[in-house]
Amino acid sequence: MKLKIGFVAVLAALLSSQAGAESLHEAVQKTIKENPDLQSFKDDRLATEEQIGQARAAFFPTIDLQGGYGFEQSDNPTTRTRISGYGSNKLGTVTYDRAESSIQLRQMLFDGLATPNEVHRTKAATNAKAYLVYSQSEYRALEAVQAYLEVLKSEELARIAQENLNAHLSSNDQITMRSQQGVGKRADIDQSTARVSRAESNLRNAEGNLKDAQTHYLKVIGALPGKLEMPQHPNGKLPKNIDEAVELAVANHPQLKSANADIDEAHYQHETAKAPFMPRVDFESGTTYNNNLDGIPGKNEDVTAMVRVRYNLLNGGKDLARRKQTAHQIAQAKDIRDNTYRQVVQNMRESWVAYITRQSQLELNKQYWEHSIKAKEAYQQQFNIGQRTLLDLLDTTNEMFTAESNYVNSQYEELLAAYRILAAGAHLNSYLGVALPEESKPLQD
């Protein structure tokens, strides 16, 4: 048992030492830097960028080297004219050691603009991925904010539950004392003890919720929470009204920018599909060195420098079908962009409505809590002089506990709703001063 206790203590100390995030800025920055899901988007963006180099490679020459050595047996009109000689027999079949070597250079001069359009397409694809990294950074930041606030809220609710239990224990002591003095009744003690049990159950539930919040914090941010700081309210950075909020979201949202980049990619892909309808021109140069070819002994050397034109006249309709396919893909990309626009507007409007609703609920719950405190104080005084029953006192104690819990919940829900507006407008990381990944930056022309 001692070993188990010691192991648990060491484990707790190690986990506590890993809790490096103290402020909301630090927690979100850690999330942006280390979150595995976001890392996947960053890697995808980097992989897509490498396609640009692959597309650009067609601008440069290609050089191929080839070599071979073996033997060759030949029987052709040339060998059959020989009756005898080295490597031949009377039937005209000859066998020689054969050697081959060549080096060829090819430089594309014109390919129907396929290469420049492919370069533009891969750049647009890279920018689309970059904007996705930006968008995911905002989403992960909001997720981290939610986990951070959930821990703070759960700690506050656990404190309130503990105070509620303490209040019930105090009332129970008073009732027990009155009963021992012959003033109270046995039923009052049973009633009070039952309320104490319920208050203790509420505390255990609050403690369990706190542990769940800490576990979720570990999942999102990557470390157990330490002593967290209460963040400031961002109300000074919020839009003035819902129309301004929607306008800002539409103007700056990375998801819309990603969708527009997808349209650019589809457009350049459509342009690339025109290339097969035009001739291709290449400069080709090379040299070959062969020995004992086709039954003829001796060296064969060639040096060439040619401009070659290739023009496909018939391809079974494949190229035309490809053009039609890419045209439909442009239309599809525009449809996705239009749907993304609606989602951005919807998300911002819902975030704004949620914030306004939470604000009104916060004020009402604050009034509810303040009045419950006054009622509790009055009931306590009246109970002490016999004007209120035990049930009245216990009911108002529970009422105050419920009111304060609702108020705390409203505080954090309203604060989260404010941060959600920033995230819906893609300004959350900027407000928190969090550095975005380099992979979130689009390519410069």
Protein backbone atom coordinates (compact mmCIF):
# COMPACT_ATOMS: atom_id res chain seq x y z
CA MET A 1 0.00 0.00 0.00
CA LYS A 2 2.87 2.35 0.85
CA LEU A 3 4.48 1.62 -2.50
CA LYS A 4 1.20 2.36 -4.29
CA ILE A 5 0.77 5.62 -2.39
CA GLY A 6 4.34 6.61 -3.19
CA PHE A 7 3.87 5.78 -6.88
CA VAL A 8 0.69 7.86 -7.03
CA ALA A 9 2.47 10.77 -5.34
CA VAL A 10 5.37 10.63 -7.80
CA LEU A 11 2.99 10.37 -10.75
CA ALA A 12 1.02 13.35 -9.50
CA ALA A 13 4.22 15.35 -9.10
CA LEU A 14 5.32 14.50 -12.64
CA LEU A 15 1.96 15.45 -14.10
CA SER A 16 1.95 18.65 -12.08
CA SER A 17 5.42 19.56 -13.36
CA GLN A 18 4.16 19.15 -16.93
CA ALA A 19 1.42 21.72 -16.43
CA GLY A 20 3.24 24.61 -18.05
CA ALA A 21 0.27 26.66 -19.22
CA GLU A 22 -0.57 29.36 -16.68
CA SER A 23 -2.26 32.02 -18.80
CA LEU A 24 -4.79 31.66 -21.60
CA HIS A 25 -2.21 32.97 -24.09
CA GLU A 26 0.29 30.30 -23.05
CA ALA A 27 -2.29 27.52 -23.19
CA VAL A 28 -3.45 28.46 -26.68
CA GLN A 29 0.11 28.96 -27.96
CA LYS A 30 1.03 25.49 -26.70
CA THR A 31 -2.01 24.07 -28.47
CA ILE A 32 -1.17 25.76 -31.78
CA LYS A 33 2.41 24.52 -31.55
CA GLU A 34 1.81 20.91 -30.51
CA ASN A 35 -1.75 19.81 -31.36
CA PRO A 36 -1.47 16.61 -33.48
CA ASP A 37 -4.53 17.35 -35.60
CA LEU A 38 -3.18 20.77 -36.50
CA GLN A 39 0.23 19.24 -37.19
CA SER A 40 -1.45 17.00 -39.77
CA PHE A 41 -2.83 20.04 -41.62
CA LYS A 42 0.61 21.69 -41.51
CA ASP A 43 2.27 18.59 -42.96
CA ASP A 44 -0.37 18.42 -45.69
CA ARG A 45 0.36 22.02 -46.61
CA LEU A 46 4.12 21.35 -46.78
CA ALA A 47 3.55 18.24 -48.90
CA THR A 48 1.38 20.22 -51.31
CA GLU A 49 4.03 22.91 -51.63
CA GLU A 50 6.52 20.31 -52.83
CA GLN A 51 4.29 19.79 -55.87
CA ILE A 52 5.31 23.24 -57.09
CA GLY A 53 8.89 22.05 -57.52
CA GLN A 54 7.65 19.00 -59.35
CA ALA A 55 5.68 21.19 -61.77
CA ARG A 56 8.58 23.60 -62.31
CA ALA A 57 10.87 20.71 -63.21
CA ALA A 58 9.35 20.62 -66.70
CA PHE A 59 10.98 24.00 -67.44
CA PHE A 60 14.42 22.43 -67.11
CA PRO A 61 16.22 19.93 -69.34
CA THR A 62 16.28 16.22 -68.67
CA ILE A 63 19.42 14.14 -69.20
CA ASP A 64 19.28 10.36 -69.52
CA LEU A 65 22.29 8.06 -69.44
CA GLN A 66 22.03 4.46 -70.65
CA GLY A 67 24.53 1.64 -70.89
CA GLY A 68 24.59 -2.10 -71.46
CA TYR A 69 26.91 -5.05 -72.15
CA GLY A 70 26.19 -8.63 -73.19
CA PHE A 71 26.19 -10.81 -76.30
CA GLU A 72 24.12 -10.85 -79.47
CA GLN A 73 23.44 -13.58 -82.01
CA SER A 74 22.36 -12.30 -85.41
CA ASP A 75 21.10 -13.89 -88.62
CA ASN A 76 20.22 -11.30 -91.25
CA PRO A 77 20.94 -10.63 -94.96
CA THR A 78 24.21 -8.96 -94.08
CA THR A 79 25.54 -11.85 -92.03
CA ARG A 80 24.38 -14.40 -94.56
CA THR A 81 26.56 -12.90 -97.26
CA ARG A 82 29.57 -13.94 -95.20
CA ILE A 83 30.69 -17.57 -95.66
CA SER A 84 33.36 -17.50 -93.05
CA GLY A 85 35.02 -15.17 -90.69
CA TYR A 86 35.25 -14.33 -87.02
CA GLY A 87 32.02 -15.09 -85.23
CA SER A 88 30.25 -16.59 -88.25
CA ASN A 89 29.41 -20.04 -89.51
CA LYS A 90 28.36 -21.43 -92.81
CA LEU A 91 24.69 -20.78 -92.13
CA GLY A 92 25.22 -17.02 -91.75
CA THR A 93 24.57 -16.80 -88.00
CA VAL A 94 27.07 -14.67 -86.08
CA THR A 95 27.63 -14.12 -82.37
CA TYR A 96 29.44 -11.11 -80.91
CA ASP A 97 29.88 -9.37 -77.60
CA ARG A 98 27.58 -6.34 -77.74
CA ALA A 99 28.12 -3.01 -75.94
CA GLU A 100 25.73 -0.04 -75.79
CA SER A 101 26.01 3.46 -74.27
CA SER A 102 24.18 6.71 -74.85
CA ILE A 103 23.43 10.07 -73.26
CA GLN A 104 20.39 12.11 -74.27
CA LEU A 105 19.34 15.68 -73.42
CA ARG A 106 15.81 16.99 -73.90
CA GLN A 107 14.65 20.57 -73.32
CA MET A 108 10.99 21.47 -73.57
CA LEU A 109 10.45 24.55 -75.73
CA PHE A 110 6.66 24.59 -75.88
CA ASP A 111 4.10 22.21 -74.34
CA GLY A 112 0.87 24.06 -74.93
CA LEU A 113 1.40 26.11 -71.73
CA ALA A 114 0.83 23.00 -69.65
CA THR A 115 3.85 23.63 -67.43
CA PRO A 116 3.19 27.28 -66.46
CA ASN A 117 -0.46 26.49 -65.80
CA GLU A 118 0.52 23.49 -63.69
CA VAL A 119 2.86 25.70 -61.64
CA HIS A 120 0.03 28.17 -61.04
CA ARG A 121 -2.30 25.31 -60.12
CA THR A 122 0.05 23.89 -57.50
CA LYS A 123 0.60 27.37 -56.04
CA ALA A 124 -3.15 27.83 -55.71
CA ALA A 125 -3.44 24.38 -54.10
CA THR A 126 -0.70 25.31 -51.62
CA ASN A 127 -2.45 28.56 -50.71
CA ALA A 128 -5.71 26.68 -50.17
CA LYS A 129 -3.92 24.38 -47.72
CA ALA A 130 -2.29 27.38 -46.01
CA TYR A 131 -5.67 29.00 -45.40
CA LEU A 132 -6.92 25.67 -44.01
CA VAL A 133 -4.05 25.72 -41.51
CA TYR A 134 -5.10 29.26 -40.55
CA SER A 135 -8.73 28.17 -40.16
CA GLN A 136 -7.79 25.11 -38.12
CA SER A 137 -5.59 27.28 -35.90
CA GLU A 138 -8.63 29.39 -35.05
CA TYR A 139 -10.70 26.30 -34.39
CA ARG A 140 -8.04 24.72 -32.15
CA ALA A 141 -7.58 28.01 -30.34
CA LEU A 142 -11.30 28.17 -29.55
CA GLU A 143 -11.18 24.56 -28.40
CA ALA A 144 -8.30 25.43 -26.08
CA VAL A 145 -10.15 28.48 -24.75
CA GLN A 146 -13.18 26.31 -24.03
CA ALA A 147 -11.07 23.73 -22.18
CA TYR A 148 -9.30 26.48 -20.22
CA LEU A 149 -12.54 28.18 -19.15
CA GLU A 150 -14.13 24.84 -18.32
CA VAL A 151 -11.39 24.14 -15.76
CA LEU A 152 -11.83 27.57 -14.18
CA LYS A 153 -15.60 27.17 -14.08
CA SER A 154 -15.39 23.68 -12.60
CA GLU A 155 -13.01 24.92 -9.89
CA GLU A 156 -15.44 27.71 -9.04
CA LEU A 157 -18.43 25.36 -8.93
CA ALA A 158 -16.50 22.95 -6.70
CA ARG A 159 -15.75 25.83 -4.33
CA ILE A 160 -19.43 26.81 -4.24
CA ALA A 161 -20.43 23.19 -3.58
CA GLN A 162 -17.95 23.05 -0.70
CA GLU A 163 -19.35 26.27 0.78
CA ASN A 164 -22.86 24.88 0.40
CA LEU A 165 -21.85 21.74 2.27
CA ASN A 166 -20.24 23.84 4.99
CA ALA A 167 -23.44 25.86 5.34
CA HIS A 168 -25.53 22.70 5.68
CA LEU A 169 -23.10 21.29 8.26
CA SER A 170 -23.34 24.50 10.25
CA SER A 171 -27.14 24.42 10.14
CA ASN A 172 -27.10 20.78 11.11
CA ASP A 173 -24.93 21.59 14.16
CA GLN A 174 -27.39 24.30 15.21
CA ILE A 175 -30.36 21.98 14.84
CA THR A 176 -28.63 19.20 16.76
CA MET A 177 -27.81 21.59 19.57
CA ARG A 178 -31.41 22.86 19.71
CA SER A 179 -32.68 19.30 19.80
CA GLN A 180 -30.32 18.44 22.66
CA GLN A 181 -31.63 21.46 24.55
CA GLY A 182 -35.18 20.25 24.04
CA VAL A 183 -36.13 23.03 21.63
CA GLY A 184 -35.97 21.16 18.32
CA LYS A 185 -37.52 17.94 17.11
CA ARG A 186 -36.01 14.66 16.04
CA ALA A 187 -37.60 15.04 12.59
CA ASP A 188 -35.67 18.29 12.15
CA ILE A 189 -32.38 16.43 12.67
CA ASP A 190 -33.38 13.79 10.09
CA GLN A 191 -34.38 16.48 7.64
CA SER A 192 -31.13 18.38 8.13
CA THR A 193 -29.01 15.22 7.88
CA ALA A 194 -30.69 14.33 4.60
CA ARG A 195 -29.92 17.80 3.22
CA VAL A 196 -26.29 17.43 4.32
CA SER A 197 -26.05 14.19 2.36
CA ARG A 198 -27.43 15.85 -0.73
CA ALA A 199 -25.00 18.76 -0.36
CA GLU A 200 -22.13 16.30 -0.04
CA SER A 201 -23.35 14.48 -3.15
CA ASN A 202 -23.37 17.80 -5.02
CA LEU A 203 -19.78 18.38 -3.93
CA ARG A 204 -18.67 14.95 -5.14
CA ASN A 205 -20.37 15.60 -8.47
CA ALA A 206 -18.62 18.98 -8.77
CA GLU A 207 -15.26 17.38 -7.97
CA GLY A 208 -15.88 14.72 -10.62
CA ASN A 209 -16.72 17.40 -13.18
CA LEU A 210 -13.50 19.22 -12.29
CA LYS A 211 -11.45 16.07 -12.90
CA ASP A 212 -13.21 15.56 -16.24
CA ALA A 213 -12.43 19.18 -17.19
CA GLN A 214 -8.77 18.67 -16.26
CA THR A 215 -8.63 15.51 -18.37
CA HIS A 216 -10.17 17.31 -21.33
CA TYR A 217 -7.62 20.11 -20.84
CA LEU A 218 -4.86 17.50 -21.03
CA LYS A 219 -6.30 16.12 -24.28
CA VAL A 220 -6.66 19.51 -25.97
CA ILE A 221 -3.61 21.37 -24.69
CA GLY A 222 -1.25 18.50 -23.95
CA ALA A 223 -0.61 19.07 -20.24
CA LEU A 224 -2.61 19.03 -17.03
CA PRO A 225 -3.64 22.51 -15.85
CA GLY A 226 -1.72 24.29 -13.14
CA LYS A 227 -2.97 27.42 -11.46
CA LEU A 228 -4.86 29.14 -14.25
CA GLU A 229 -5.36 32.88 -14.52
CA MET A 230 -8.76 34.40 -15.13
CA PRO A 231 -8.58 35.93 -18.65
CA GLN A 232 -9.85 39.37 -19.50
CA HIS A 233 -13.16 39.86 -21.26
CA PRO A 234 -12.67 40.75 -24.94
CA ASN A 235 -15.78 42.98 -25.14
CA GLY A 236 -13.71 45.96 -26.30
CA LYS A 237 -12.59 44.00 -29.38
CA LEU A 238 -16.01 42.73 -30.45
CA PRO A 239 -17.96 44.16 -33.40
CA LYS A 240 -20.58 46.78 -32.62
CA ASN A 241 -23.50 44.86 -34.10
CA ILE A 242 -24.37 41.69 -35.95
CA ASP A 243 -24.09 43.29 -39.41
CA GLU A 244 -20.55 44.47 -38.70
CA ALA A 245 -19.69 41.05 -37.30
CA VAL A 246 -20.88 39.28 -40.46
CA GLU A 247 -19.11 41.78 -42.70
CA LEU A 248 -15.79 41.27 -40.89
CA ALA A 249 -16.15 37.49 -41.01
CA VAL A 250 -16.88 37.42 -44.74
CA ALA A 251 -13.98 39.79 -45.50
CA ASN A 252 -11.30 37.92 -43.56
CA HIS A 253 -12.30 34.33 -42.99
CA PRO A 254 -9.61 31.85 -44.09
CA GLN A 255 -12.17 29.21 -45.04
CA LEU A 256 -13.54 31.54 -47.71
CA LYS A 257 -10.01 32.35 -48.87
CA SER A 258 -9.28 28.63 -49.08
CA ALA A 259 -12.41 28.08 -51.15
CA ASN A 260 -11.41 30.89 -53.53
CA ALA A 261 -7.95 29.36 -53.86
CA ASP A 262 -9.62 26.06 -54.77
CA ILE A 263 -11.44 27.90 -57.58
CA ASP A 264 -8.10 29.24 -58.84
CA GLU A 265 -6.68 25.73 -58.74
CA ALA A 266 -9.60 24.37 -60.76
CA HIS A 267 -9.24 27.22 -63.28
CA TYR A 268 -5.55 26.51 -63.89
CA GLN A 269 -6.30 22.80 -64.15
CA HIS A 270 -8.82 23.65 -66.88
CA GLU A 271 -6.15 25.66 -68.69
CA THR A 272 -3.71 22.78 -68.40
CA ALA A 273 -6.26 20.53 -70.08
CA LYS A 274 -5.91 22.67 -73.26
CA ALA A 275 -2.30 21.57 -73.78
CA PRO A 276 -3.04 18.31 -75.68
CA PHE A 277 -4.82 20.35 -78.39
CA MET A 278 -1.56 22.13 -79.25
CA PRO A 279 1.75 20.84 -80.62
CA ARG A 280 4.68 20.08 -78.37
CA VAL A 281 8.15 21.27 -79.32
CA ASP A 282 11.34 19.91 -77.76
CA PHE A 283 15.03 20.36 -78.38
CA GLU A 284 16.78 17.01 -78.24
CA SER A 285 20.48 16.30 -78.35
CA GLY A 286 22.51 13.20 -77.65
CA THR A 287 25.30 10.88 -78.50
CA THR A 288 25.52 7.10 -78.71
CA TYR A 289 28.46 4.71 -78.66
CA ASN A 290 27.73 1.11 -79.55
CA ASN A 291 29.86 -1.88 -80.52
CA ASN A 292 29.03 -4.96 -82.61
CA LEU A 293 25.42 -4.15 -83.43
CA ASP A 294 23.17 -6.42 -85.50
CA GLY A 295 25.95 -8.80 -86.41
CA ILE A 296 28.25 -6.10 -87.83
CA PRO A 297 31.55 -5.89 -86.01
CA GLY A 298 32.96 -2.52 -85.02
CA LYS A 299 31.92 0.77 -83.47
CA ASN A 300 28.74 2.73 -84.15
CA GLU A 301 28.80 6.38 -83.04
CA ASP A 302 26.08 9.03 -83.48
CA VAL A 303 25.75 12.66 -82.39
CA THR A 304 22.39 14.41 -82.89
CA ALA A 305 20.95 17.87 -82.22
CA MET A 306 17.28 18.12 -83.26
CA VAL A 307 14.19 20.25 -82.76
CA ARG A 308 11.26 17.85 -82.79
CA VAL A 309 7.57 18.69 -83.07
CA ARG A 310 4.91 16.27 -81.89
CA TYR A 311 1.23 16.88 -82.52
CA ASN A 312 -1.43 14.35 -81.60
CA LEU A 313 -4.19 14.25 -84.21
CA LEU A 314 -6.55 11.72 -82.62
CA ASN A 315 -6.82 10.42 -79.07
CA GLY A 316 -10.26 8.82 -78.98
CA GLY A 317 -11.93 11.89 -77.44
CA LYS A 318 -9.97 11.58 -74.19
CA ASP A 319 -8.62 15.14 -74.26
CA LEU A 320 -12.03 16.64 -74.98
CA ALA A 321 -13.57 14.68 -72.12
CA ARG A 322 -10.79 15.91 -69.85
CA ARG A 323 -11.60 19.52 -70.76
CA LYS A 324 -15.25 18.99 -69.95
CA GLN A 325 -14.33 17.35 -66.66
CA THR A 326 -12.21 20.29 -65.55
CA ALA A 327 -14.97 22.72 -66.52
CA HIS A 328 -17.35 20.89 -64.20
CA GLN A 329 -14.72 20.96 -61.48
CA ILE A 330 -14.59 24.77 -61.72
CA ALA A 331 -18.35 24.86 -61.23
CA GLN A 332 -18.07 22.47 -58.29
CA ALA A 333 -15.38 24.63 -56.65
CA LYS A 334 -17.63 27.68 -56.98
CA ASP A 335 -20.53 25.76 -55.43
CA ILE A 336 -18.33 24.81 -52.49
CA ARG A 337 -17.24 28.44 -52.12
CA ASP A 338 -20.87 29.60 -52.06
CA ASN A 339 -21.73 27.00 -49.44
CA THR A 340 -18.70 28.02 -47.38
CA TYR A 341 -19.91 31.62 -47.51
CA ARG A 342 -23.25 30.56 -46.06
CA GLN A 343 -21.56 28.54 -43.33
CA VAL A 344 -19.35 31.48 -42.33
CA VAL A 345 -22.35 33.81 -42.15
CA GLN A 346 -24.39 31.24 -40.24
CA ASN A 347 -21.60 30.58 -37.75
CA MET A 348 -21.12 34.28 -37.05
CA ARG A 349 -24.84 34.97 -36.69
CA GLU A 350 -25.28 32.03 -34.32
CA SER A 351 -22.24 33.15 -32.31
CA TRP A 352 -23.59 36.68 -32.05
CA VAL A 353 -27.08 35.56 -31.01
CA ALA A 354 -25.56 33.22 -28.42
CA TYR A 355 -23.48 36.08 -26.99
CA ILE A 356 -26.46 38.45 -26.72
CA THR A 357 -28.55 35.70 -25.13
CA ARG A 358 -25.83 34.84 -22.61
CA GLN A 359 -25.48 38.52 -21.72
CA SER A 360 -29.15 38.83 -20.84
CA GLN A 361 -29.09 35.55 -18.90
CA LEU A 362 -26.00 36.70 -17.00
CA GLU A 363 -27.72 39.83 -15.72
CA LEU A 364 -30.85 37.91 -14.71
CA ASN A 365 -28.85 35.23 -12.91
CA LYS A 366 -26.84 37.90 -11.13
CA GLN A 367 -30.04 39.47 -9.82
CA TYR A 368 -31.33 36.02 -8.87
CA TRP A 369 -28.16 35.32 -6.88
CA GLU A 370 -28.11 38.70 -5.12
CA HIS A 371 -31.74 38.36 -4.04
CA SER A 372 -31.16 34.77 -2.86
CA ILE A 373 -28.32 36.00 -0.61
CA LYS A 374 -30.57 38.57 0.98
CA ALA A 375 -33.35 36.00 1.41
CA LYS A 376 -30.93 33.55 3.04
CA GLU A 377 -29.71 36.15 5.54
CA ALA A 378 -33.26 37.14 6.41
CA TYR A 379 -34.41 33.52 6.80
CA GLN A 380 -31.44 32.75 9.04
CA GLN A 381 -32.32 35.62 11.37
CA GLN A 382 -35.99 34.65 11.41
CA PHE A 383 -35.12 31.00 12.03
CA ASN A 384 -32.97 31.98 15.01
CA ILE A 385 -35.95 33.70 16.65
CA GLY A 386 -38.41 30.97 15.68
CA GLN A 387 -40.24 32.77 12.86
CA ARG A 388 -39.05 30.34 10.16
CA THR A 389 -39.04 26.59 10.08
CA LEU A 390 -36.07 24.37 9.38
CA LEU A 391 -37.50 23.49 6.00
CA ASP A 392 -37.66 27.20 5.11
CA LEU A 393 -34.02 27.67 6.08
CA LEU A 394 -32.79 24.63 4.19
CA ASP A 395 -34.81 25.56 1.11
CA THR A 396 -33.36 29.06 0.97
CA THR A 397 -29.83 27.66 1.45
CA ASN A 398 -30.32 25.36 -1.52
CA GLU A 399 -31.86 28.24 -3.45
CA MET A 400 -28.77 30.36 -2.87
CA PHE A 401 -26.50 27.49 -3.93
CA THR A 402 -28.50 27.00 -7.13
CA ALA A 403 -28.54 30.74 -7.84
CA GLU A 404 -24.79 31.15 -7.39
CA SER A 405 -24.08 28.07 -9.51
CA ASN A 406 -26.29 29.43 -12.28
CA TYR A 407 -24.55 32.79 -12.07
CA VAL A 408 -21.10 31.22 -12.36
CA ASN A 409 -22.24 29.11 -15.29
CA SER A 410 -23.64 32.22 -16.98
CA GLN A 411 -20.39 34.13 -16.44
CA TYR A 412 -18.29 31.53 -18.21
CA GLU A 413 -20.85 30.85 -20.93
CA GLU A 414 -21.02 34.57 -21.72
CA LEU A 415 -17.22 34.82 -21.77
CA LEU A 416 -16.90 31.77 -24.05
CA ALA A 417 -19.56 33.22 -26.36
CA ALA A 418 -17.48 36.40 -26.68
CA TYR A 419 -14.39 34.38 -27.63
CA ARG A 420 -16.51 32.39 -30.06
CA ILE A 421 -17.35 35.61 -31.93
CA LEU A 422 -13.63 36.32 -32.31
CA ALA A 423 -13.06 32.80 -33.62
CA ALA A 424 -16.00 33.06 -36.03
CA GLY A 425 -14.34 36.15 -37.48
CA ALA A 426 -10.88 34.47 -37.51
CA HIS A 427 -9.48 37.00 -35.01
CA LEU A 428 -9.10 34.87 -31.88
CA ASN A 429 -5.39 34.12 -32.16
CA SER A 430 -4.70 37.71 -33.11
CA TYR A 431 -6.54 38.98 -30.02
CA LEU A 432 -4.66 36.57 -27.74
CA GLY A 433 -1.30 37.47 -29.30
CA VAL A 434 -0.71 33.89 -30.40
CA ALA A 435 1.81 33.33 -33.19
CA LEU A 436 0.33 31.37 -36.07
CA PRO A 437 2.31 28.60 -37.79
CA GLU A 438 4.46 29.55 -40.75
CA GLU A 439 2.46 27.02 -42.75
CA SER A 440 -0.65 29.26 -42.42
CA LYS A 441 0.91 31.97 -44.59
CA PRO A 442 0.03 31.91 -48.32
CA LEU A 443 2.73 32.09 -50.97
CA GLN A 444 3.77 35.49 -52.24
CA ASP A 445 3.56 36.05 -55.99
